[in-house]
Amino acid sequence: MECARSLPCRVTVCRDCCCGSPKIAGVDHDAQLARLRAEAEVRVSDCLDVCERANVIVVQPSAEGRAAGARNIWLEFVNGAAATEDVAAWLRAGGPGVAPMPPILDLHLFTPPRRR
């Protein structure tokens, strides 16, 4: 199943003071957004308050994924084309709750701090 067409997965990409900025050198931030948009609905957010983990991407499950018990998946240090492609492939497969997360993405998985 393709996430962008049949399952409404959403991706939130942090873009503010650190994420998506020249502070994270060697990343084509525009290409990253374009690649993710090819697979799912992408929203660009202001700072998600986890600057030390830039670039941060939050993958939100589809309705089918939520029904299967999936929750938002927060990914840190998505700073290269290979990592972006790993996320895109997972989205194409269905994302959280629909397709198993590729083991390589375990390296990027983190639990966000609680907001006050």
Protein backbone atom coordinates (compact mmCIF):
# COMPACT_ATOMS: atom_id res chain seq x y z
CA MET A 1 0.00 0.00 0.00
CA GLU A 2 1.26 3.45 -0.76
CA CYS A 3 1.06 5.87 2.12
CA ALA A 4 0.64 9.02 0.07
CA ARG A 5 -2.20 7.63 -2.06
CA SER A 6 -4.25 5.12 -0.08
CA LEU A 7 -3.22 5.80 3.51
CA PRO A 8 -3.13 9.30 4.92
CA CYS A 9 0.25 9.13 6.65
CA ARG A 10 1.59 12.50 7.61
CA VAL A 11 5.11 13.64 8.22
CA THR A 12 6.06 16.70 10.23
CA VAL A 13 9.50 18.06 9.46
CA CYS A 14 11.10 20.52 11.85
CA ARG A 15 12.48 23.58 10.10
CA ASP A 16 13.51 26.54 12.21
CA CYS A 17 16.53 27.62 14.20
CA CYS A 18 18.56 24.40 13.80
CA CYS A 19 16.68 21.83 11.76
CA GLY A 20 16.75 22.67 8.09
CA SER A 21 19.32 25.40 8.55
CA PRO A 22 22.97 25.85 7.55
CA LYS A 23 23.84 24.75 11.11
CA ILE A 24 23.27 21.22 9.81
CA ALA A 25 25.88 21.25 7.08
CA GLY A 26 26.03 18.92 4.11
CA VAL A 27 22.27 18.32 3.92
CA ASP A 28 20.15 19.37 0.97
CA HIS A 29 17.15 20.34 3.08
CA ASP A 30 14.97 21.21 0.06
CA ALA A 31 15.70 17.83 -1.55
CA GLN A 32 14.81 16.11 1.72
CA LEU A 33 11.41 17.81 1.80
CA ALA A 34 10.79 17.00 -1.86
CA ARG A 35 11.68 13.33 -1.36
CA LEU A 36 9.36 12.96 1.62
CA ARG A 37 6.56 14.83 -0.19
CA ALA A 38 6.78 12.25 -2.97
CA GLU A 39 5.58 9.62 -0.47
CA ALA A 40 3.32 11.38 2.06
CA GLU A 41 1.70 14.60 3.14
CA VAL A 42 4.44 16.74 4.68
CA ARG A 43 3.94 19.59 7.08
CA VAL A 44 6.76 21.93 7.97
CA SER A 45 6.84 22.96 11.60
CA ASP A 46 8.58 25.65 13.52
CA CYS A 47 10.95 24.48 16.23
CA LEU A 48 9.92 21.22 17.93
CA ASP A 49 12.23 22.03 20.88
CA VAL A 50 14.70 19.22 20.28
CA CYS A 51 17.40 21.24 18.52
CA GLU A 52 20.20 19.00 19.76
CA ARG A 53 18.68 16.21 17.62
CA ALA A 54 18.40 18.11 14.31
CA ASN A 55 17.08 17.23 11.72
CA VAL A 56 13.92 15.91 13.35
CA ILE A 57 11.08 14.18 11.51
CA VAL A 58 7.84 12.97 13.09
CA VAL A 59 5.99 10.22 11.24
CA GLN A 60 2.30 10.10 12.07
CA PRO A 61 0.45 6.86 11.37
CA SER A 62 -2.47 6.55 9.02
CA ALA A 63 -5.95 5.77 10.31
CA GLU A 64 -5.18 2.10 9.61
CA GLY A 65 -1.92 2.37 11.54
CA ARG A 66 -3.62 4.10 14.48
CA ALA A 67 -6.29 1.38 14.52
CA ALA A 68 -3.43 -1.13 14.82
CA GLY A 69 -2.12 0.77 17.86
CA ALA A 70 0.63 2.81 16.21
CA ARG A 71 1.64 6.19 17.60
CA ASN A 72 3.77 9.03 16.30
CA ILE A 73 7.36 8.04 15.61
CA TRP A 74 10.03 10.66 16.27
CA LEU A 75 13.27 10.37 14.30
CA GLU A 76 16.45 12.30 15.03
CA PHE A 77 19.57 13.11 13.01
CA VAL A 78 17.91 12.47 9.65
CA ASN A 79 20.79 14.30 8.01
CA GLY A 80 21.59 12.45 4.85
CA ALA A 81 20.07 11.20 1.63
CA ALA A 82 20.32 7.57 2.76
CA ALA A 83 18.40 8.24 5.99
CA THR A 84 15.79 10.23 4.09
CA GLU A 85 15.43 7.38 1.60
CA ASP A 86 14.98 4.89 4.45
CA VAL A 87 12.12 7.02 5.83
CA ALA A 88 10.60 7.42 2.34
CA ALA A 89 10.70 3.66 1.71
CA TRP A 90 8.93 3.01 5.01
CA LEU A 91 6.27 5.58 4.14
CA ARG A 92 5.80 3.95 0.74
CA ALA A 93 5.31 0.60 2.50
CA GLY A 94 2.60 2.06 4.77
CA GLY A 95 4.41 3.55 7.75
CA PRO A 96 3.74 3.01 11.46
CA GLY A 97 1.32 0.23 12.30
CA VAL A 98 1.08 -0.93 8.70
CA ALA A 99 4.66 -1.79 7.78
CA PRO A 100 7.47 -2.77 10.14
CA MET A 101 9.95 0.01 10.74
CA PRO A 102 13.21 -0.80 8.95
CA PRO A 103 15.84 -1.76 11.55
CA ILE A 104 18.18 0.97 10.26
CA LEU A 105 15.68 3.58 11.47
CA ASP A 106 16.13 2.30 15.04
CA LEU A 107 19.33 4.37 14.97
CA HIS A 108 17.19 7.49 14.55
CA LEU A 109 14.33 6.64 16.91
CA PHE A 110 13.89 8.69 20.09
CA THR A 111 11.26 9.56 22.63
CA PRO A 112 10.55 13.28 22.71
CA PRO A 113 10.67 15.10 26.03
CA ARG A 114 7.38 16.00 27.63
CA ARG A 115 6.23 19.50 26.89
CA ARG A 116 5.30 21.85 29.68
